[in-house]
C-alpha atoms as a PDB file:
ATOM      1  CA  MET A   1      88.552 119.813 103.579  1.00  0.00           C
ATOM      2  CA  ALA A   2      88.745 117.704 106.704  1.00  0.00           C
ATOM      3  CA  ASN A   3      90.411 115.019 108.589  1.00  0.00           C
ATOM      4  CA  THR A   4      89.374 111.438 107.929  1.00  0.00           C
ATOM      5  CA  GLN A   5      90.482 108.134 109.975  1.00  0.00           C
ATOM      6  CA  ALA A   6      92.586 105.965 107.796  1.00  0.00           C
ATOM      7  CA  MET A   7      95.381 103.957 107.664  1.00  0.00           C
ATOM      8  CA  CYS A   8      97.791 105.569 105.196  1.00  0.00           C
ATOM      9  CA  THR A   9      97.600 104.045 101.735  1.00  0.00           C
ATOM     10  CA  SER A  10     101.380 104.567 101.094  1.00  0.00           C
ATOM     11  CA  PHE A  11     101.934 102.472 104.106  1.00  0.00           C
ATOM     12  CA  LEU A  12     100.278  99.262 102.720  1.00  0.00           C
ATOM     13  CA  GLY A  13     102.125  99.579 100.090  1.00  0.00           C
ATOM     14  CA  GLN A  14     105.382 100.023 102.813  1.00  0.00           C
ATOM     15  CA  LEU A  15     104.492  97.065 104.436  1.00  0.00           C
ATOM     16  CA  PHE A  16     105.451  94.594 101.592  1.00  0.00           C
ATOM     17  CA  THR A  17     108.720  96.224 101.283  1.00  0.00           C
ATOM     18  CA  GLY A  18     109.588  96.123 105.063  1.00  0.00           C
ATOM     19  CA  LYS A  19     110.014  99.408 105.498  1.00  0.00           C
ATOM     20  CA  HIS A  20     108.731  99.751 108.606  1.00  0.00           C
ATOM     21  CA  ASN A  21     109.365  97.712 111.954  1.00  0.00           C
ATOM     22  CA  PHE A  22     107.144  97.639 114.750  1.00  0.00           C
ATOM     23  CA  GLY A  23     108.686  94.509 116.735  1.00  0.00           C
ATOM     24  CA  VAL A  24     111.853  93.324 117.697  1.00  0.00           C
ATOM     25  CA  GLY A  25     113.787  91.250 116.275  1.00  0.00           C
ATOM     26  CA  THR A  26     116.064  90.996 113.384  1.00  0.00           C
ATOM     27  CA  VAL A  27     114.160  92.824 110.761  1.00  0.00           C
ATOM     28  CA  ARG A  28     116.755  94.505 107.852  1.00  0.00           C
ATOM     29  CA  GLY A  29     119.291  93.920 109.455  1.00  0.00           C
ATOM     30  CA  THR A  30     118.619  95.491 113.035  1.00  0.00           C
ATOM     31  CA  THR A  31     116.921  94.116 116.043  1.00  0.00           C
ATOM     32  CA  THR A  32     115.415  97.011 117.241  1.00  0.00           C
ATOM     33  CA  ALA A  33     111.805  98.663 116.264  1.00  0.00           C
ATOM     34  CA  ASP A  34     111.301 101.854 114.759  1.00  0.00           C
ATOM     35  CA  THR A  35     110.716 104.844 116.203  1.00  0.00           C
ATOM     36  CA  PHE A  36     107.272 106.384 115.592  1.00  0.00           C
ATOM     37  CA  ASN A  37     105.573 109.770 116.488  1.00  0.00           C
ATOM     38  CA  ALA A  38     102.329 111.097 117.053  1.00  0.00           C
ATOM     39  CA  ALA A  39     101.366 114.805 115.589  1.00  0.00           C
ATOM     40  CA  LEU A  40      98.325 116.336 116.607  1.00  0.00           C
ATOM     41  CA  PHE A  41      96.549 118.081 113.697  1.00  0.00           C
ATOM     42  CA  LEU A  42      93.817 121.112 113.814  1.00  0.00           C
ATOM     43  CA  VAL A  43      90.132 121.002 112.378  1.00  0.00           C
ATOM     44  CA  SER A  44      90.862 122.774 109.548  1.00  0.00           C
ATOM     45  CA  ALA A  45      94.264 120.586 108.280  1.00  0.00           C
ATOM     46  CA  THR A  46      93.158 117.874 105.805  1.00  0.00           C
ATOM     47  CA  VAL A  47      95.321 114.585 106.825  1.00  0.00           C
ATOM     48  CA  ASP A  48      93.868 111.414 105.369  1.00  0.00           C
ATOM     49  CA  ALA A  49      94.557 108.179 103.426  1.00  0.00           C
ATOM     50  CA  SER A  50      96.350 109.866 101.111  1.00  0.00           C
ATOM     51  CA  THR A  51      98.910 111.388 103.222  1.00  0.00           C
ATOM     52  CA  THR A  52     102.537 109.857 102.652  1.00  0.00           C
ATOM     53  CA  ALA A  53     104.477 111.906 104.883  1.00  0.00           C
ATOM     54  CA  TYR A  54     104.496 113.980 108.206  1.00  0.00           C
ATOM     55  CA  THR A  55     106.693 116.597 106.086  1.00  0.00           C
ATOM     56  CA  GLY A  56     107.402 118.782 109.284  1.00  0.00           C
ATOM     57  CA  THR A  57     111.040 119.123 110.866  1.00  0.00           C
ATOM     58  CA  VAL A  58     110.902 116.791 114.222  1.00  0.00           C
ATOM     59  CA  ASN A  59     111.397 119.139 116.913  1.00  0.00           C
ATOM     60  CA  THR A  60     112.066 122.235 115.043  1.00  0.00           C
ATOM     61  CA  THR A  61     109.113 123.372 112.390  1.00  0.00           C
ATOM     62  CA  ALA A  62     105.354 121.832 112.157  1.00  0.00           C
ATOM     63  CA  MET A  63     103.857 120.403 109.404  1.00  0.00           C
ATOM     64  CA  THR A  64     101.188 122.454 107.289  1.00  0.00           C
ATOM     65  CA  GLY A  65      97.717 121.842 109.692  1.00  0.00           C
ATOM     66  CA  GLU A  66      99.928 120.754 112.905  1.00  0.00           C
ATOM     67  CA  VAL A  67      98.651 122.507 115.798  1.00  0.00           C
ATOM     68  CA  SER A  68     100.954 124.900 117.560  1.00  0.00           C
ATOM     69  CA  GLY A  69     100.859 126.165 121.053  1.00  0.00           C
ATOM     70  CA  THR A  70     102.947 126.407 124.273  1.00  0.00           C
ATOM     71  CA  GLY A  71     104.491 122.973 125.285  1.00  0.00           C
ATOM     72  CA  TYR A  72     103.590 121.405 121.663  1.00  0.00           C
ATOM     73  CA  THR A  73     106.824 120.432 120.332  1.00  0.00           C
ATOM     74  CA  ALA A  74     106.910 120.231 116.179  1.00  0.00           C
ATOM     75  CA  GLY A  75     106.275 116.547 114.909  1.00  0.00           C
ATOM     76  CA  GLY A  76     104.722 115.898 118.664  1.00  0.00           C
ATOM     77  CA  ILE A  77     105.603 113.017 121.071  1.00  0.00           C
ATOM     78  CA  ALA A  78     107.148 109.676 120.788  1.00  0.00           C
ATOM     79  CA  VAL A  79     104.869 106.584 120.390  1.00  0.00           C
ATOM     80  CA  THR A  80     105.820 104.098 123.561  1.00  0.00           C
ATOM     81  CA  ASN A  81     106.237 100.983 121.417  1.00  0.00           C
ATOM     82  CA  ALA A  82     106.563  97.946 123.233  1.00  0.00           C
ATOM     83  CA  ASN A  83     104.285  95.977 122.332  1.00  0.00           C
ATOM     84  CA  PRO A  84     104.904  93.597 119.551  1.00  0.00           C
ATOM     85  CA  PRO A  85     102.740  93.130 116.852  1.00  0.00           C
ATOM     86  CA  ALA A  86     100.580  89.949 116.776  1.00  0.00           C
ATOM     87  CA  SER A  87      98.445  87.825 114.376  1.00  0.00           C
ATOM     88  CA  LEU A  88      95.515  85.488 114.970  1.00  0.00           C
ATOM     89  CA  ASN A  89      93.688  83.058 112.807  1.00  0.00           C
ATOM     90  CA  THR A  90      89.907  83.454 112.486  1.00  0.00           C
ATOM     91  CA  SER A  91      89.531  80.567 110.388  1.00  0.00           C
ATOM     92  CA  THR A  92      91.353  78.016 107.546  1.00  0.00           C
ATOM     93  CA  THR A  93      90.905  80.959 105.282  1.00  0.00           C
ATOM     94  CA  ALA A  94      91.112  84.266 107.229  1.00  0.00           C
ATOM     95  CA  GLY A  95      93.420  85.823 109.842  1.00  0.00           C
ATOM     96  CA  THR A  96      93.948  89.285 111.420  1.00  0.00           C
ATOM     97  CA  GLY A  97      97.516  91.279 111.916  1.00  0.00           C
ATOM     98  CA  TYR A  98      97.101  94.059 114.274  1.00  0.00           C
ATOM     99  CA  TRP A  99      99.323  96.614 116.684  1.00  0.00           C
ATOM    100  CA  THR A 100      98.740  99.099 119.125  1.00  0.00           C
ATOM    101  CA  PRO A 101     101.133 101.543 121.429  1.00  0.00           C
ATOM    102  CA  SER A 102     101.985 100.061 124.825  1.00  0.00           C
ATOM    103  CA  ALA A 103     101.153 103.103 126.627  1.00  0.00           C
ATOM    104  CA  SER A 104      98.296 106.284 125.802  1.00  0.00           C
ATOM    105  CA  LEU A 105      99.562 109.094 123.714  1.00  0.00           C
ATOM    106  CA  VAL A 106      99.647 111.567 126.650  1.00  0.00           C
ATOM    107  CA  TYR A 107     100.604 115.491 125.571  1.00  0.00           C
ATOM    108  CA  THR A 108     101.548 117.131 129.023  1.00  0.00           C
ATOM    109  CA  THR A 109     101.249 120.836 129.821  1.00  0.00           C
ATOM    110  CA  VAL A 110      99.998 121.698 126.353  1.00  0.00           C
ATOM    111  CA  THR A 111      98.103 125.268 125.540  1.00  0.00           C
ATOM    112  CA  LEU A 112      96.585 124.678 121.957  1.00  0.00           C
ATOM    113  CA  ALA A 113      93.676 126.972 121.857  1.00  0.00           C
ATOM    114  CA  THR A 114      93.216 126.107 118.102  1.00  0.00           C
ATOM    115  CA  ALA A 115      90.632 123.348 117.656  1.00  0.00           C
ATOM    116  CA  PHE A 116      92.184 119.721 116.922  1.00  0.00           C
ATOM    117  CA  ASP A 117      90.923 116.968 115.967  1.00  0.00           C
ATOM    118  CA  SER A 118      93.364 114.127 114.543  1.00  0.00           C
ATOM    119  CA  VAL A 119      96.339 112.629 115.253  1.00  0.00           C
ATOM    120  CA  LEU A 120      99.164 111.704 112.816  1.00  0.00           C
ATOM    121  CA  ILE A 121     101.214 108.485 113.553  1.00  0.00           C
ATOM    122  CA  PHE A 122     104.449 108.253 111.058  1.00  0.00           C
ATOM    123  CA  ASN A 123     108.095 106.756 111.273  1.00  0.00           C
ATOM    124  CA  VAL A 124     110.518 109.176 112.696  1.00  0.00           C
ATOM    125  CA  THR A 125     113.421 106.106 112.432  1.00  0.00           C
ATOM    126  CA  GLN A 126     112.781 105.524 108.824  1.00  0.00           C
ATOM    127  CA  GLY A 127     112.537 109.368 107.642  1.00  0.00           C
ATOM    128  CA  VAL A 128     114.882 111.844 106.592  1.00  0.00           C
ATOM    129  CA  ALA A 129     114.979 115.524 107.019  1.00  0.00           C
ATOM    130  CA  THR A 130     111.616 116.632 106.300  1.00  0.00           C
ATOM    131  CA  ASN A 131     109.971 113.317 104.838  1.00  0.00           C
ATOM    132  CA  TYR A 132     108.818 110.812 107.317  1.00  0.00           C
ATOM    133  CA  PRO A 133     106.608 108.324 106.198  1.00  0.00           C
ATOM    134  CA  ALA A 134     103.113 108.200 107.249  1.00  0.00           C
ATOM    135  CA  VAL A 135     101.259 105.179 109.083  1.00  0.00           C
ATOM    136  CA  SER A 136      97.794 106.441 109.790  1.00  0.00           C
ATOM    137  CA  VAL A 137      95.707 108.770 110.932  1.00  0.00           C
ATOM    138  CA  HIS A 138      92.780 109.077 113.820  1.00  0.00           C
ATOM    139  CA  LYS A 139      90.114 111.487 114.774  1.00  0.00           C
ATOM    140  CA  PHE A 140      88.483 111.888 117.918  1.00  0.00           C
ATOM    141  CA  GLY A 141      86.178 114.858 118.651  1.00  0.00           C
ATOM    142  CA  SER A 142      87.254 118.692 118.062  1.00  0.00           C
ATOM    143  CA  GLN A 143      89.210 119.809 121.260  1.00  0.00           C
ATOM    144  CA  THR A 144      91.002 122.799 122.603  1.00  0.00           C
ATOM    145  CA  ILE A 145      93.113 122.926 125.915  1.00  0.00           C
ATOM    146  CA  THR A 146      94.840 125.642 127.447  1.00  0.00           C
ATOM    147  CA  ALA A 147      97.448 124.316 130.464  1.00  0.00           C
ATOM    148  CA  GLY A 148      96.459 121.171 130.931  1.00  0.00           C
ATOM    149  CA  THR A 149      97.504 117.621 129.704  1.00  0.00           C
ATOM    150  CA  PHE A 150      95.590 115.789 126.559  1.00  0.00           C
ATOM    151  CA  THR A 151      95.643 112.008 126.584  1.00  0.00           C
ATOM    152  CA  LEU A 152      94.761 109.558 124.195  1.00  0.00           C
ATOM    153  CA  THR A 153      93.935 106.291 125.191  1.00  0.00           C
ATOM    154  CA  MET A 154      95.142 103.436 123.711  1.00  0.00           C
ATOM    155  CA  PRO A 155      92.797 100.465 122.345  1.00  0.00           C
ATOM    156  CA  ASN A 156      93.710  96.601 124.179  1.00  0.00           C
ATOM    157  CA  PRO A 157      96.098  95.216 121.892  1.00  0.00           C
ATOM    158  CA  ALA A 158      94.095  92.304 120.414  1.00  0.00           C
ATOM    159  CA  ALA A 159      92.617  91.315 116.854  1.00  0.00           C
ATOM    160  CA  ALA A 160      89.057  93.204 117.506  1.00  0.00           C
ATOM    161  CA  THR A 161      90.348  96.323 119.135  1.00  0.00           C
ATOM    162  CA  ALA A 162      93.746  97.258 118.296  1.00  0.00           C
ATOM    163  CA  LEU A 163      95.065 100.533 116.613  1.00  0.00           C
ATOM    164  CA  LEU A 164      96.380  99.277 113.723  1.00  0.00           C
ATOM    165  CA  ARG A 165      94.586  95.917 112.017  1.00  0.00           C
ATOM    166  CA  LEU A 166      94.472  94.078 108.908  1.00  0.00           C
ATOM    167  CA  ALA A 167      92.269  91.330 108.306  1.00  0.00           C
ATOM    168  CA  THR A 168      91.733  89.011 105.157  1.00  0.00           C
END
């Protein structure tokens, strides 16, 4: 199979139960945002809308299809989450809610010799053991890297360009 860019279907349902907190404020009895990670996946993996969770052990055991190599840790890196979610009314009947990480995703001093082309964003705070709720899969051109830095530049946090967008 192949990786496919998508918002994970399970994530859409979890939004209605308040499972994910991308911002600050009193949500689920806490005032802090959840912690999210970004793990890289091989071209030969299958992560897509049907991915419900990151099933590895963060910092210990990689999920099936996740990259491995010098300088890369299972579960990827923490997503910098200082941008609160926002929304915009585009008319009396339509609007968009959106969110983008506040910094690029930067994997430093890594050697990833097997081709990879996707990143899975998942919720570390709401996970347990080897089951961390998946948020979304983002695909890019196939890459390899030797003793270097791999950077995924985040889009502008605006209704038309944000990394995650829900529109009516």
